[in-house]
């Protein structure tokens, strides 16, 4: 495990659900924290999962989050696509997600739907 500054971690997600963020805030208040899975990609430390909880930590005033290098098999091409989208939207750090908080319905349509479309195009 190691600590990363929240401004040095590249999100691989472009939207946050207000509903899921509220749950993550409760998790943070409960003190339940596990290291966030990250990978190096093109010189960046990329967050693979836990975007809502990582942002909840930012909201709680944390400047650093616990991280671990992930070794699980993942679709790195999909993460490359997602990171590219995030970068095009100006999302270069966890705090940058502040302007991308949407209703849960919009999250499902804008983020989950886009991911499902991407997977369909690959088939």
PDB file of N, CA and C in Angstrom:
ATOM      1  N   UNK A   1       0.840  -1.180   0.000  1.00  0.00           N
ATOM      2  CA  UNK A   1       0.000   0.000   0.000  1.00  0.00           C
ATOM      3  C   UNK A   1       0.886   1.243   0.000  1.00  0.00           C
ATOM      4  N   UNK A   2       0.403   2.276  -0.638  1.00  0.00           N
ATOM      5  CA  UNK A   2       1.104   3.554  -0.660  1.00  0.00           C
ATOM      6  C   UNK A   2       0.054   4.658  -0.740  1.00  0.00           C
ATOM      7  N   UNK A   3       0.467   5.879  -0.497  1.00  0.00           N
ATOM      8  CA  UNK A   3      -0.445   7.026  -0.490  1.00  0.00           C
ATOM      9  C   UNK A   3      -0.225   7.860  -1.743  1.00  0.00           C
ATOM     10  N   UNK A   4      -1.319   8.306  -2.342  1.00  0.00           N
ATOM     11  CA  UNK A   4      -1.260   9.166  -3.529  1.00  0.00           C
ATOM     12  C   UNK A   4      -2.016  10.453  -3.255  1.00  0.00           C
ATOM     13  N   UNK A   5      -1.454  11.546  -3.706  1.00  0.00           N
ATOM     14  CA  UNK A   5      -2.168  12.819  -3.617  1.00  0.00           C
ATOM     15  C   UNK A   5      -3.352  12.761  -4.578  1.00  0.00           C
ATOM     16  N   UNK A   6      -4.500  13.262  -4.136  1.00  0.00           N
ATOM     17  CA  UNK A   6      -5.720  13.166  -4.944  1.00  0.00           C
ATOM     18  C   UNK A   6      -5.604  13.910  -6.276  1.00  0.00           C
ATOM     19  N   UNK A   7      -4.713  14.879  -6.355  1.00  0.00           N
ATOM     20  CA  UNK A   7      -4.530  15.607  -7.616  1.00  0.00           C
ATOM     21  C   UNK A   7      -3.591  14.884  -8.579  1.00  0.00           C
ATOM     22  N   UNK A   8      -2.977  13.792  -8.105  1.00  0.00           N
ATOM     23  CA  UNK A   8      -2.068  13.022  -8.956  1.00  0.00           C
ATOM     24  C   UNK A   8      -2.689  11.714  -9.435  1.00  0.00           C
ATOM     25  N   UNK A   9      -3.934  11.477  -9.069  1.00  0.00           N
ATOM     26  CA  UNK A   9      -4.614  10.240  -9.470  1.00  0.00           C
ATOM     27  C   UNK A   9      -5.600  10.563 -10.589  1.00  0.00           C
ATOM     28  N   UNK A  10      -5.436   9.877 -11.710  1.00  0.00           N
ATOM     29  CA  UNK A  10      -6.286  10.077 -12.886  1.00  0.00           C
ATOM     30  C   UNK A  10      -7.538   9.202 -12.793  1.00  0.00           C
ATOM     31  N   UNK A  11      -8.725   9.799 -12.745  1.00  0.00           N
ATOM     32  CA  UNK A  11      -9.939   8.980 -12.766  1.00  0.00           C
ATOM     33  C   UNK A  11     -10.115   8.262 -14.109  1.00  0.00           C
ATOM     34  N   UNK A  12     -10.752   7.117 -14.051  1.00  0.00           N
ATOM     35  CA  UNK A  12     -11.114   6.394 -15.277  1.00  0.00           C
ATOM     36  C   UNK A  12     -12.636   6.392 -15.417  1.00  0.00           C
ATOM     37  N   UNK A  13     -13.256   7.400 -14.867  1.00  0.00           N
ATOM     38  CA  UNK A  13     -14.713   7.530 -14.889  1.00  0.00           C
ATOM     39  C   UNK A  13     -15.023   9.004 -15.117  1.00  0.00           C
ATOM     40  N   UNK A  14     -16.102   9.275 -15.841  1.00  0.00           N
ATOM     41  CA  UNK A  14     -16.408  10.665 -16.184  1.00  0.00           C
ATOM     42  C   UNK A  14     -17.590  11.258 -15.429  1.00  0.00           C
ATOM     43  N   UNK A  15     -18.326  10.438 -14.709  1.00  0.00           N
ATOM     44  CA  UNK A  15     -19.479  10.928 -13.951  1.00  0.00           C
ATOM     45  C   UNK A  15     -19.541  10.249 -12.600  1.00  0.00           C
ATOM     46  N   UNK A  16     -20.174  10.925 -11.642  1.00  0.00           N
ATOM     47  CA  UNK A  16     -20.481  10.342 -10.340  1.00  0.00           C
ATOM     48  C   UNK A  16     -21.984  10.430 -10.120  1.00  0.00           C
ATOM     49  N   UNK A  17     -22.536   9.396  -9.513  1.00  0.00           N
ATOM     50  CA  UNK A  17     -23.949   9.374  -9.143  1.00  0.00           C
ATOM     51  C   UNK A  17     -24.109  10.028  -7.776  1.00  0.00           C
ATOM     52  N   UNK A  18     -25.016  10.982  -7.672  1.00  0.00           N
ATOM     53  CA  UNK A  18     -25.275  11.640  -6.385  1.00  0.00           C
ATOM     54  C   UNK A  18     -25.670  10.605  -5.328  1.00  0.00           C
ATOM     55  N   UNK A  19     -26.497   9.647  -5.708  1.00  0.00           N
ATOM     56  CA  UNK A  19     -26.960   8.600  -4.786  1.00  0.00           C
ATOM     57  C   UNK A  19     -25.788   7.741  -4.301  1.00  0.00           C
ATOM     58  N   UNK A  20     -24.934   7.308  -5.217  1.00  0.00           N
ATOM     59  CA  UNK A  20     -23.785   6.482  -4.827  1.00  0.00           C
ATOM     60  C   UNK A  20     -22.772   7.291  -4.026  1.00  0.00           C
ATOM     61  N   UNK A  21     -22.670   8.577  -4.323  1.00  0.00           N
ATOM     62  CA  UNK A  21     -21.770   9.439  -3.559  1.00  0.00           C
ATOM     63  C   UNK A  21     -22.253   9.573  -2.117  1.00  0.00           C
ATOM     64  N   UNK A  22     -23.554   9.712  -1.930  1.00  0.00           N
ATOM     65  CA  UNK A  22     -24.097   9.795  -0.565  1.00  0.00           C
ATOM     66  C   UNK A  22     -23.767   8.531   0.227  1.00  0.00           C
ATOM     67  N   UNK A  23     -23.869   7.374  -0.411  1.00  0.00           N
ATOM     68  CA  UNK A  23     -23.491   6.113   0.253  1.00  0.00           C
ATOM     69  C   UNK A  23     -22.003   6.098   0.584  1.00  0.00           C
ATOM     70  N   UNK A  24     -21.196   6.567  -0.343  1.00  0.00           N
ATOM     71  CA  UNK A  24     -19.746   6.584  -0.125  1.00  0.00           C
ATOM     72  C   UNK A  24     -19.380   7.512   1.030  1.00  0.00           C
ATOM     73  N   UNK A  25     -20.088   8.618   1.154  1.00  0.00           N
ATOM     74  CA  UNK A  25     -19.831   9.549   2.262  1.00  0.00           C
ATOM     75  C   UNK A  25     -20.096   8.852   3.592  1.00  0.00           C
ATOM     76  N   UNK A  26     -21.157   8.058   3.665  1.00  0.00           N
ATOM     77  CA  UNK A  26     -21.441   7.295   4.890  1.00  0.00           C
ATOM     78  C   UNK A  26     -20.340   6.281   5.178  1.00  0.00           C
ATOM     79  N   UNK A  27     -19.826   5.655   4.144  1.00  0.00           N
ATOM     80  CA  UNK A  27     -18.722   4.705   4.309  1.00  0.00           C
ATOM     81  C   UNK A  27     -17.499   5.405   4.876  1.00  0.00           C
ATOM     82  N   UNK A  28     -17.184   6.572   4.327  1.00  0.00           N
ATOM     83  CA  UNK A  28     -16.027   7.341   4.796  1.00  0.00           C
ATOM     84  C   UNK A  28     -16.232   7.763   6.248  1.00  0.00           C
ATOM     85  N   UNK A  29     -17.439   8.222   6.572  1.00  0.00           N
ATOM     86  CA  UNK A  29     -17.723   8.617   7.956  1.00  0.00           C
ATOM     87  C   UNK A  29     -17.603   7.430   8.900  1.00  0.00           C
ATOM     88  N   UNK A  30     -17.890   6.231   8.401  1.00  0.00           N
ATOM     89  CA  UNK A  30     -17.774   5.025   9.212  1.00  0.00           C
ATOM     90  C   UNK A  30     -16.344   4.554   9.379  1.00  0.00           C
ATOM     91  N   UNK A  31     -15.423   5.195   8.659  1.00  0.00           N
ATOM     92  CA  UNK A  31     -14.013   4.861   8.795  1.00  0.00           C
ATOM     93  C   UNK A  31     -13.597   3.587   8.086  1.00  0.00           C
ATOM     94  N   UNK A  32     -14.425   3.108   7.179  1.00  0.00           N
ATOM     95  CA  UNK A  32     -14.100   1.875   6.458  1.00  0.00           C
ATOM     96  C   UNK A  32     -13.344   2.253   5.189  1.00  0.00           C
ATOM     97  N   UNK A  33     -12.070   1.950   5.162  1.00  0.00           N
ATOM     98  CA  UNK A  33     -11.255   2.289   3.993  1.00  0.00           C
ATOM     99  C   UNK A  33     -10.358   1.124   3.614  1.00  0.00           C
ATOM    100  N   UNK A  34     -10.362   0.834   2.337  1.00  0.00           N
ATOM    101  CA  UNK A  34      -9.416  -0.132   1.784  1.00  0.00           C
ATOM    102  C   UNK A  34      -8.619   0.607   0.723  1.00  0.00           C
ATOM    103  N   UNK A  35      -7.417   0.156   0.450  1.00  0.00           N
ATOM    104  CA  UNK A  35      -6.641   0.817  -0.605  1.00  0.00           C
ATOM    105  C   UNK A  35      -7.374   0.753  -1.951  1.00  0.00           C
ATOM    106  N   UNK A  36      -7.274   1.819  -2.690  1.00  0.00           N
ATOM    107  CA  UNK A  36      -7.911   1.901  -3.998  1.00  0.00           C
ATOM    108  C   UNK A  36      -7.035   1.227  -5.046  1.00  0.00           C
ATOM    109  N   UNK A  37      -7.637   0.442  -5.955  1.00  0.00           N
ATOM    110  CA  UNK A  37      -6.847  -0.208  -7.003  1.00  0.00           C
ATOM    111  C   UNK A  37      -6.444   0.798  -8.080  1.00  0.00           C
ATOM    112  N   UNK A  38      -5.164   0.822  -8.389  1.00  0.00           N
ATOM    113  CA  UNK A  38      -4.642   1.720  -9.421  1.00  0.00           C
ATOM    114  C   UNK A  38      -3.701   0.940 -10.332  1.00  0.00           C
ATOM    115  N   UNK A  39      -3.476   1.490 -11.504  1.00  0.00           N
ATOM    116  CA  UNK A  39      -2.476   0.982 -12.448  1.00  0.00           C
ATOM    117  C   UNK A  39      -1.770   2.175 -13.062  1.00  0.00           C
ATOM    118  N   UNK A  40      -0.556   1.947 -13.496  1.00  0.00           N
ATOM    119  CA  UNK A  40       0.160   2.976 -14.258  1.00  0.00           C
ATOM    120  C   UNK A  40      -0.247   2.844 -15.715  1.00  0.00           C
ATOM    121  N   UNK A  41      -0.540   3.990 -16.318  1.00  0.00           N
ATOM    122  CA  UNK A  41      -0.914   4.009 -17.726  1.00  0.00           C
ATOM    123  C   UNK A  41      -0.390   5.305 -18.332  1.00  0.00           C
ATOM    124  N   UNK A  42       0.490   5.179 -19.286  1.00  0.00           N
ATOM    125  CA  UNK A  42       1.036   6.352 -19.976  1.00  0.00           C
ATOM    126  C   UNK A  42       1.574   7.392 -18.999  1.00  0.00           C
ATOM    127  N   UNK A  43       2.270   6.927 -17.969  1.00  0.00           N
ATOM    128  CA  UNK A  43       2.890   7.822 -17.003  1.00  0.00           C
ATOM    129  C   UNK A  43       1.960   8.352 -15.926  1.00  0.00           C
ATOM    130  N   UNK A  44       0.712   7.944 -15.946  1.00  0.00           N
ATOM    131  CA  UNK A  44      -0.261   8.398 -14.946  1.00  0.00           C
ATOM    132  C   UNK A  44      -0.608   7.261 -13.992  1.00  0.00           C
ATOM    133  N   UNK A  45      -0.991   7.629 -12.775  1.00  0.00           N
ATOM    134  CA  UNK A  45      -1.560   6.661 -11.842  1.00  0.00           C
ATOM    135  C   UNK A  45      -3.066   6.727 -12.058  1.00  0.00           C
ATOM    136  N   UNK A  46      -3.641   5.641 -12.560  1.00  0.00           N
ATOM    137  CA  UNK A  46      -5.052   5.610 -12.945  1.00  0.00           C
ATOM    138  C   UNK A  46      -5.864   4.841 -11.905  1.00  0.00           C
ATOM    139  N   UNK A  47      -6.914   5.480 -11.423  1.00  0.00           N
ATOM    140  CA  UNK A  47      -7.843   4.853 -10.488  1.00  0.00           C
ATOM    141  C   UNK A  47      -8.751   3.909 -11.267  1.00  0.00           C
ATOM    142  N   UNK A  48      -8.772   2.634 -10.859  1.00  0.00           N
ATOM    143  CA  UNK A  48      -9.582   1.645 -11.563  1.00  0.00           C
ATOM    144  C   UNK A  48     -10.985   1.502 -10.978  1.00  0.00           C
ATOM    145  N   UNK A  49     -11.124   1.714  -9.692  1.00  0.00           N
ATOM    146  CA  UNK A  49     -12.412   1.506  -9.032  1.00  0.00           C
ATOM    147  C   UNK A  49     -12.454   2.366  -7.772  1.00  0.00           C
ATOM    148  N   UNK A  50     -13.664   2.615  -7.284  1.00  0.00           N
ATOM    149  CA  UNK A  50     -13.808   3.363  -6.038  1.00  0.00           C
ATOM    150  C   UNK A  50     -13.873   4.864  -6.214  1.00  0.00           C
ATOM    151  N   UNK A  51     -14.291   5.320  -7.385  1.00  0.00           N
ATOM    152  CA  UNK A  51     -14.328   6.757  -7.654  1.00  0.00           C
ATOM    153  C   UNK A  51     -15.222   7.521  -6.681  1.00  0.00           C
ATOM    154  N   UNK A  52     -16.368   6.959  -6.347  1.00  0.00           N
ATOM    155  CA  UNK A  52     -17.280   7.645  -5.424  1.00  0.00           C
ATOM    156  C   UNK A  52     -16.653   7.795  -4.040  1.00  0.00           C
ATOM    157  N   UNK A  53     -16.039   6.732  -3.548  1.00  0.00           N
ATOM    158  CA  UNK A  53     -15.411   6.789  -2.222  1.00  0.00           C
ATOM    159  C   UNK A  53     -14.199   7.715  -2.235  1.00  0.00           C
ATOM    160  N   UNK A  54     -13.401   7.663  -3.299  1.00  0.00           N
ATOM    161  CA  UNK A  54     -12.244   8.556  -3.397  1.00  0.00           C
ATOM    162  C   UNK A  54     -12.705  10.011  -3.383  1.00  0.00           C
ATOM    163  N   UNK A  55     -13.780  10.314  -4.110  1.00  0.00           N
ATOM    164  CA  UNK A  55     -14.281  11.686  -4.118  1.00  0.00           C
ATOM    165  C   UNK A  55     -14.865  12.060  -2.759  1.00  0.00           C
ATOM    166  N   UNK A  56     -15.510  11.114  -2.082  1.00  0.00           N
ATOM    167  CA  UNK A  56     -16.031  11.381  -0.730  1.00  0.00           C
ATOM    168  C   UNK A  56     -14.891  11.757   0.212  1.00  0.00           C
ATOM    169  N   UNK A  57     -13.735  11.134   0.041  1.00  0.00           N
ATOM    170  CA  UNK A  57     -12.564  11.489   0.852  1.00  0.00           C
ATOM    171  C   UNK A  57     -12.110  12.915   0.548  1.00  0.00           C
ATOM    172  N   UNK A  58     -12.135  13.289  -0.724  1.00  0.00           N
ATOM    173  CA  UNK A  58     -11.796  14.665  -1.106  1.00  0.00           C
ATOM    174  C   UNK A  58     -12.751  15.633  -0.419  1.00  0.00           C
ATOM    175  N   UNK A  59     -14.035  15.327  -0.471  1.00  0.00           N
ATOM    176  CA  UNK A  59     -15.040  16.181   0.178  1.00  0.00           C
ATOM    177  C   UNK A  59     -14.816  16.285   1.685  1.00  0.00           C
ATOM    178  N   UNK A  60     -14.279  15.211   2.271  1.00  0.00           N
ATOM    179  CA  UNK A  60     -14.026  15.196   3.721  1.00  0.00           C
ATOM    180  C   UNK A  60     -12.713  15.890   4.075  1.00  0.00           C
ATOM    181  N   UNK A  61     -11.994  16.380   3.062  1.00  0.00           N
ATOM    182  CA  UNK A  61     -10.778  17.132   3.321  1.00  0.00           C
ATOM    183  C   UNK A  61      -9.481  16.359   3.192  1.00  0.00           C
ATOM    184  N   UNK A  62      -9.546  15.115   2.727  1.00  0.00           N
ATOM    185  CA  UNK A  62      -8.324  14.326   2.564  1.00  0.00           C
ATOM    186  C   UNK A  62      -7.556  14.795   1.333  1.00  0.00           C
ATOM    187  N   UNK A  63      -6.259  14.913   1.465  1.00  0.00           N
ATOM    188  CA  UNK A  63      -5.404  15.255   0.333  1.00  0.00           C
ATOM    189  C   UNK A  63      -4.748  14.012  -0.255  1.00  0.00           C
ATOM    190  N   UNK A  64      -4.684  12.936   0.517  1.00  0.00           N
ATOM    191  CA  UNK A  64      -4.063  11.687   0.078  1.00  0.00           C
ATOM    192  C   UNK A  64      -5.036  10.536   0.268  1.00  0.00           C
ATOM    193  N   UNK A  65      -4.955   9.555  -0.644  1.00  0.00           N
ATOM    194  CA  UNK A  65      -5.774   8.351  -0.505  1.00  0.00           C
ATOM    195  C   UNK A  65      -4.862   7.126  -0.521  1.00  0.00           C
ATOM    196  N   UNK A  66      -5.269   6.058   0.182  1.00  0.00           N
ATOM    197  CA  UNK A  66      -4.475   4.832   0.163  1.00  0.00           C
ATOM    198  C   UNK A  66      -4.682   4.104  -1.168  1.00  0.00           C
ATOM    199  N   UNK A  67      -3.590   3.659  -1.762  1.00  0.00           N
ATOM    200  CA  UNK A  67      -3.658   2.979  -3.061  1.00  0.00           C
ATOM    201  C   UNK A  67      -2.870   1.678  -3.022  1.00  0.00           C
ATOM    202  N   UNK A  68      -3.181   0.823  -3.979  1.00  0.00           N
ATOM    203  CA  UNK A  68      -2.415  -0.407  -4.182  1.00  0.00           C
ATOM    204  C   UNK A  68      -2.396  -0.678  -5.681  1.00  0.00           C
ATOM    205  N   UNK A  69      -1.264  -1.178  -6.142  1.00  0.00           N
ATOM    206  CA  UNK A  69      -1.197  -1.547  -7.550  1.00  0.00           C
ATOM    207  C   UNK A  69      -2.018  -2.803  -7.766  1.00  0.00           C
ATOM    208  N   UNK A  70      -2.941  -2.731  -8.698  1.00  0.00           N
ATOM    209  CA  UNK A  70      -3.856  -3.826  -8.982  1.00  0.00           C
ATOM    210  C   UNK A  70      -3.213  -4.798  -9.965  1.00  0.00           C
ATOM    211  N   UNK A  71      -3.379  -6.073  -9.698  1.00  0.00           N
ATOM    212  CA  UNK A  71      -2.835  -7.097 -10.596  1.00  0.00           C
ATOM    213  C   UNK A  71      -3.932  -8.001 -11.150  1.00  0.00           C
ATOM    214  N   UNK A  72      -5.183  -7.705 -10.819  1.00  0.00           N
ATOM    215  CA  UNK A  72      -6.291  -8.514 -11.334  1.00  0.00           C
ATOM    216  C   UNK A  72      -6.415  -8.314 -12.842  1.00  0.00           C
ATOM    217  N   UNK A  73      -6.887  -9.338 -13.554  1.00  0.00           N
ATOM    218  CA  UNK A  73      -7.086  -9.170 -14.998  1.00  0.00           C
ATOM    219  C   UNK A  73      -8.220  -8.171 -15.263  1.00  0.00           C
ATOM    220  N   UNK A  74      -7.924  -7.160 -16.032  1.00  0.00           N
ATOM    221  CA  UNK A  74      -8.927  -6.157 -16.408  1.00  0.00           C
ATOM    222  C   UNK A  74      -8.780  -5.839 -17.893  1.00  0.00           C
ATOM    223  N   UNK A  75      -9.805  -5.270 -18.470  1.00  0.00           N
ATOM    224  CA  UNK A  75      -9.795  -4.870 -19.872  1.00  0.00           C
ATOM    225  C   UNK A  75      -9.104  -3.511 -19.984  1.00  0.00           C
ATOM    226  N   UNK A  76      -7.802  -3.529 -20.187  1.00  0.00           N
ATOM    227  CA  UNK A  76      -7.041  -2.281 -20.223  1.00  0.00           C
ATOM    228  C   UNK A  76      -7.429  -1.396 -21.408  1.00  0.00           C
ATOM    229  N   UNK A  77      -7.898  -1.992 -22.495  1.00  0.00           N
ATOM    230  CA  UNK A  77      -8.341  -1.163 -23.625  1.00  0.00           C
ATOM    231  C   UNK A  77      -9.561  -0.333 -23.233  1.00  0.00           C
ATOM    232  N   UNK A  78     -10.442  -0.928 -22.452  1.00  0.00           N
ATOM    233  CA  UNK A  78     -11.611  -0.165 -21.994  1.00  0.00           C
ATOM    234  C   UNK A  78     -11.171   0.963 -21.063  1.00  0.00           C
ATOM    235  N   UNK A  79     -10.209   0.672 -20.184  1.00  0.00           N
ATOM    236  CA  UNK A  79      -9.715   1.729 -19.294  1.00  0.00           C
ATOM    237  C   UNK A  79      -9.030   2.828 -20.101  1.00  0.00           C
ATOM    238  N   UNK A  80      -8.307   2.455 -21.149  1.00  0.00           N
ATOM    239  CA  UNK A  80      -7.677   3.457 -22.016  1.00  0.00           C
ATOM    240  C   UNK A  80      -8.741   4.361 -22.650  1.00  0.00           C
ATOM    241  N   UNK A  81      -9.814   3.740 -23.124  1.00  0.00           N
ATOM    242  CA  UNK A  81     -10.936   4.498 -23.697  1.00  0.00           C
ATOM    243  C   UNK A  81     -11.526   5.436 -22.643  1.00  0.00           C
ATOM    244  N   UNK A  82     -11.775   4.922 -21.435  1.00  0.00           N
ATOM    245  CA  UNK A  82     -12.394   5.714 -20.368  1.00  0.00           C
ATOM    246  C   UNK A  82     -11.487   6.864 -19.931  1.00  0.00           C
ATOM    247  N   UNK A  83     -10.201   6.595 -19.801  1.00  0.00           N
ATOM    248  CA  UNK A  83      -9.259   7.649 -19.413  1.00  0.00           C
ATOM    249  C   UNK A  83      -9.178   8.703 -20.519  1.00  0.00           C
ATOM    250  N   UNK A  84      -9.169   8.264 -21.765  1.00  0.00           N
ATOM    251  CA  UNK A  84      -9.166   9.217 -22.877  1.00  0.00           C
ATOM    252  C   UNK A  84     -10.376  10.132 -22.839  1.00  0.00           C
ATOM    253  N   UNK A  85     -11.532   9.569 -22.553  1.00  0.00           N
ATOM    254  CA  UNK A  85     -12.762  10.356 -22.441  1.00  0.00           C
ATOM    255  C   UNK A  85     -12.636  11.341 -21.283  1.00  0.00           C
ATOM    256  N   UNK A  86     -12.154  10.858 -20.148  1.00  0.00           N
ATOM    257  CA  UNK A  86     -11.983  11.741 -18.983  1.00  0.00           C
ATOM    258  C   UNK A  86     -11.051  12.906 -19.324  1.00  0.00           C
ATOM    259  N   UNK A  87      -9.940  12.612 -19.962  1.00  0.00           N
ATOM    260  CA  UNK A  87      -8.983  13.664 -20.315  1.00  0.00           C
ATOM    261  C   UNK A  87      -9.606  14.674 -21.278  1.00  0.00           C
ATOM    262  N   UNK A  88     -10.361  14.184 -22.256  1.00  0.00           N
ATOM    263  CA  UNK A  88     -11.025  15.104 -23.202  1.00  0.00           C
ATOM    264  C   UNK A  88     -12.024  16.010 -22.487  1.00  0.00           C
ATOM    265  N   UNK A  89     -12.589  15.537 -21.391  1.00  0.00           N
ATOM    266  CA  UNK A  89     -13.545  16.324 -20.603  1.00  0.00           C
ATOM    267  C   UNK A  89     -12.852  17.192 -19.550  1.00  0.00           C
ATOM    268  N   UNK A  90     -11.516  17.137 -19.496  1.00  0.00           N
ATOM    269  CA  UNK A  90     -10.777  17.948 -18.530  1.00  0.00           C
ATOM    270  C   UNK A  90     -10.721  17.352 -17.134  1.00  0.00           C
ATOM    271  N   UNK A  91     -11.024  16.078 -17.025  1.00  0.00           N
ATOM    272  CA  UNK A  91     -10.988  15.392 -15.727  1.00  0.00           C
ATOM    273  C   UNK A  91      -9.605  14.766 -15.578  1.00  0.00           C
ATOM    274  N   UNK A  92      -8.743  15.456 -14.840  1.00  0.00           N
ATOM    275  CA  UNK A  92      -7.359  15.007 -14.691  1.00  0.00           C
ATOM    276  C   UNK A  92      -7.003  14.648 -13.254  1.00  0.00           C
ATOM    277  N   UNK A  93      -7.980  14.718 -12.364  1.00  0.00           N
ATOM    278  CA  UNK A  93      -7.734  14.372 -10.962  1.00  0.00           C
ATOM    279  C   UNK A  93      -9.072  14.065 -10.294  1.00  0.00           C
ATOM    280  N   UNK A  94      -9.009  13.486  -9.115  1.00  0.00           N
ATOM    281  CA  UNK A  94     -10.238  13.158  -8.392  1.00  0.00           C
ATOM    282  C   UNK A  94     -11.066  14.415  -8.081  1.00  0.00           C
ATOM    283  N   UNK A  95     -10.459  15.517  -7.605  1.00  0.00           N
ATOM    284  CA  UNK A  95     -11.274  16.715  -7.342  1.00  0.00           C
ATOM    285  C   UNK A  95     -12.018  17.235  -8.576  1.00  0.00           C
ATOM    286  N   UNK A  96     -11.491  16.980  -9.771  1.00  0.00           N
ATOM    287  CA  UNK A  96     -12.134  17.455 -10.999  1.00  0.00           C
ATOM    288  C   UNK A  96     -13.497  16.812 -11.231  1.00  0.00           C
ATOM    289  N   UNK A  97     -13.786  15.721 -10.539  1.00  0.00           N
ATOM    290  CA  UNK A  97     -15.092  15.076 -10.678  1.00  0.00           C
ATOM    291  C   UNK A  97     -16.213  15.886 -10.022  1.00  0.00           C
ATOM    292  N   UNK A  98     -15.875  16.929  -9.279  1.00  0.00           N
ATOM    293  CA  UNK A  98     -16.881  17.739  -8.570  1.00  0.00           C
ATOM    294  C   UNK A  98     -17.946  18.285  -9.515  1.00  0.00           C
ATOM    295  N   UNK A  99     -17.549  18.619 -10.716  1.00  0.00           N
ATOM    296  CA  UNK A  99     -18.513  19.202 -11.659  1.00  0.00           C
ATOM    297  C   UNK A  99     -19.218  18.142 -12.498  1.00  0.00           C
ATOM    298  N   UNK A 100     -19.009  16.871 -12.148  1.00  0.00           N
ATOM    299  CA  UNK A 100     -19.598  15.772 -12.919  1.00  0.00           C
ATOM    300  C   UNK A 100     -20.538  14.912 -12.078  1.00  0.00           C
ATOM    301  N   UNK A 101     -21.090  15.487 -11.012  1.00  0.00           N
ATOM    302  CA  UNK A 101     -22.026  14.758 -10.154  1.00  0.00           C
ATOM    303  C   UNK A 101     -23.429  14.928 -10.734  1.00  0.00           C
ATOM    304  N   UNK A 102     -24.074  13.807 -11.025  1.00  0.00           N
ATOM    305  CA  UNK A 102     -25.389  13.825 -11.667  1.00  0.00           C
ATOM    306  C   UNK A 102     -26.350  12.920 -10.897  1.00  0.00           C
ATOM    307  N   UNK A 103     -27.617  12.989 -11.254  1.00  0.00           N
ATOM    308  CA  UNK A 103     -28.597  12.087 -10.637  1.00  0.00           C
ATOM    309  C   UNK A 103     -28.219  10.640 -10.964  1.00  0.00           C
ATOM    310  N   UNK A 104     -28.739   9.713 -10.188  1.00  0.00           N
ATOM    311  CA  UNK A 104     -28.420   8.301 -10.431  1.00  0.00           C
ATOM    312  C   UNK A 104     -28.928   7.863 -11.812  1.00  0.00           C
ATOM    313  N   UNK A 105     -30.087   8.371 -12.210  1.00  0.00           N
ATOM    314  CA  UNK A 105     -30.639   8.024 -13.522  1.00  0.00           C
ATOM    315  C   UNK A 105     -29.718   8.530 -14.637  1.00  0.00           C
ATOM    316  N   UNK A 106     -29.250   9.768 -14.499  1.00  0.00           N
ATOM    317  CA  UNK A 106     -28.326  10.307 -15.501  1.00  0.00           C
ATOM    318  C   UNK A 106     -27.004   9.554 -15.487  1.00  0.00           C
ATOM    319  N   UNK A 107     -26.533   9.178 -14.314  1.00  0.00           N
ATOM    320  CA  UNK A 107     -25.298   8.393 -14.202  1.00  0.00           C
ATOM    321  C   UNK A 107     -25.440   7.083 -14.979  1.00  0.00           C
ATOM    322  N   UNK A 108     -26.556   6.410 -14.791  1.00  0.00           N
ATOM    323  CA  UNK A 108     -26.775   5.133 -15.485  1.00  0.00           C
ATOM    324  C   UNK A 108     -26.810   5.356 -17.000  1.00  0.00           C
ATOM    325  N   UNK A 109     -27.427   6.438 -17.420  1.00  0.00           N
ATOM    326  CA  UNK A 109     -27.530   6.714 -18.853  1.00  0.00           C
ATOM    327  C   UNK A 109     -26.195   7.187 -19.432  1.00  0.00           C
ATOM    328  N   UNK A 110     -25.580   8.172 -18.769  1.00  0.00           N
ATOM    329  CA  UNK A 110     -24.375   8.801 -19.313  1.00  0.00           C
ATOM    330  C   UNK A 110     -23.126   7.944 -19.156  1.00  0.00           C
ATOM    331  N   UNK A 111     -22.939   7.336 -17.991  1.00  0.00           N
ATOM    332  CA  UNK A 111     -21.718   6.572 -17.748  1.00  0.00           C
ATOM    333  C   UNK A 111     -21.905   5.083 -18.031  1.00  0.00           C
ATOM    334  N   UNK A 112     -22.835   4.461 -17.325  1.00  0.00           N
ATOM    335  CA  UNK A 112     -23.034   3.018 -17.493  1.00  0.00           C
ATOM    336  C   UNK A 112     -23.445   2.715 -18.934  1.00  0.00           C
ATOM    337  N   UNK A 113     -24.345   3.515 -19.475  1.00  0.00           N
ATOM    338  CA  UNK A 113     -24.777   3.318 -20.858  1.00  0.00           C
ATOM    339  C   UNK A 113     -23.634   3.448 -21.847  1.00  0.00           C
ATOM    340  N   UNK A 114     -22.771   4.432 -21.653  1.00  0.00           N
ATOM    341  CA  UNK A 114     -21.622   4.618 -22.552  1.00  0.00           C
ATOM    342  C   UNK A 114     -20.674   3.429 -22.475  1.00  0.00           C
ATOM    343  N   UNK A 115     -20.460   2.906 -21.277  1.00  0.00           N
ATOM    344  CA  UNK A 115     -19.586   1.731 -21.120  1.00  0.00           C
ATOM    345  C   UNK A 115     -20.187   0.513 -21.814  1.00  0.00           C
ATOM    346  N   UNK A 116     -21.486   0.334 -21.668  1.00  0.00           N
ATOM    347  CA  UNK A 116     -22.152  -0.790 -22.335  1.00  0.00           C
ATOM    348  C   UNK A 116     -22.086  -0.637 -23.848  1.00  0.00           C
ATOM    349  N   UNK A 117     -22.267   0.580 -24.358  1.00  0.00           N
ATOM    350  CA  UNK A 117     -22.145   0.833 -25.797  1.00  0.00           C
ATOM    351  C   UNK A 117     -20.739   0.513 -26.285  1.00  0.00           C
ATOM    352  N   UNK A 118     -19.734   0.922 -25.518  1.00  0.00           N
ATOM    353  CA  UNK A 118     -18.347   0.647 -25.890  1.00  0.00           C
ATOM    354  C   UNK A 118     -18.120  -0.860 -25.996  1.00  0.00           C
ATOM    355  N   UNK A 119     -18.582  -1.611 -25.002  1.00  0.00           N
ATOM    356  CA  UNK A 119     -18.413  -3.073 -25.019  1.00  0.00           C
ATOM    357  C   UNK A 119     -19.133  -3.696 -26.214  1.00  0.00           C
ATOM    358  N   UNK A 120     -20.322  -3.195 -26.537  1.00  0.00           N
ATOM    359  CA  UNK A 120     -21.075  -3.724 -27.689  1.00  0.00           C
ATOM    360  C   UNK A 120     -20.322  -3.485 -28.995  1.00  0.00           C
ATOM    361  N   UNK A 121     -19.722  -2.322 -29.119  1.00  0.00           N
ATOM    362  CA  UNK A 121     -18.979  -2.005 -30.347  1.00  0.00           C
ATOM    363  C   UNK A 121     -17.785  -2.928 -30.537  1.00  0.00           C
ATOM    364  N   UNK A 122     -17.228  -3.431 -29.443  1.00  0.00           N
ATOM    365  CA  UNK A 122     -16.064  -4.311 -29.541  1.00  0.00           C
ATOM    366  C   UNK A 122     -16.428  -5.721 -29.998  1.00  0.00           C
ATOM    367  N   UNK A 123     -17.671  -6.105 -29.801  1.00  0.00           N
ATOM    368  CA  UNK A 123     -18.088  -7.482 -30.155  1.00  0.00           C
ATOM    369  C   UNK A 123     -18.177  -7.671 -31.634  1.00  0.00           C
TER     370      UNK A 123
END
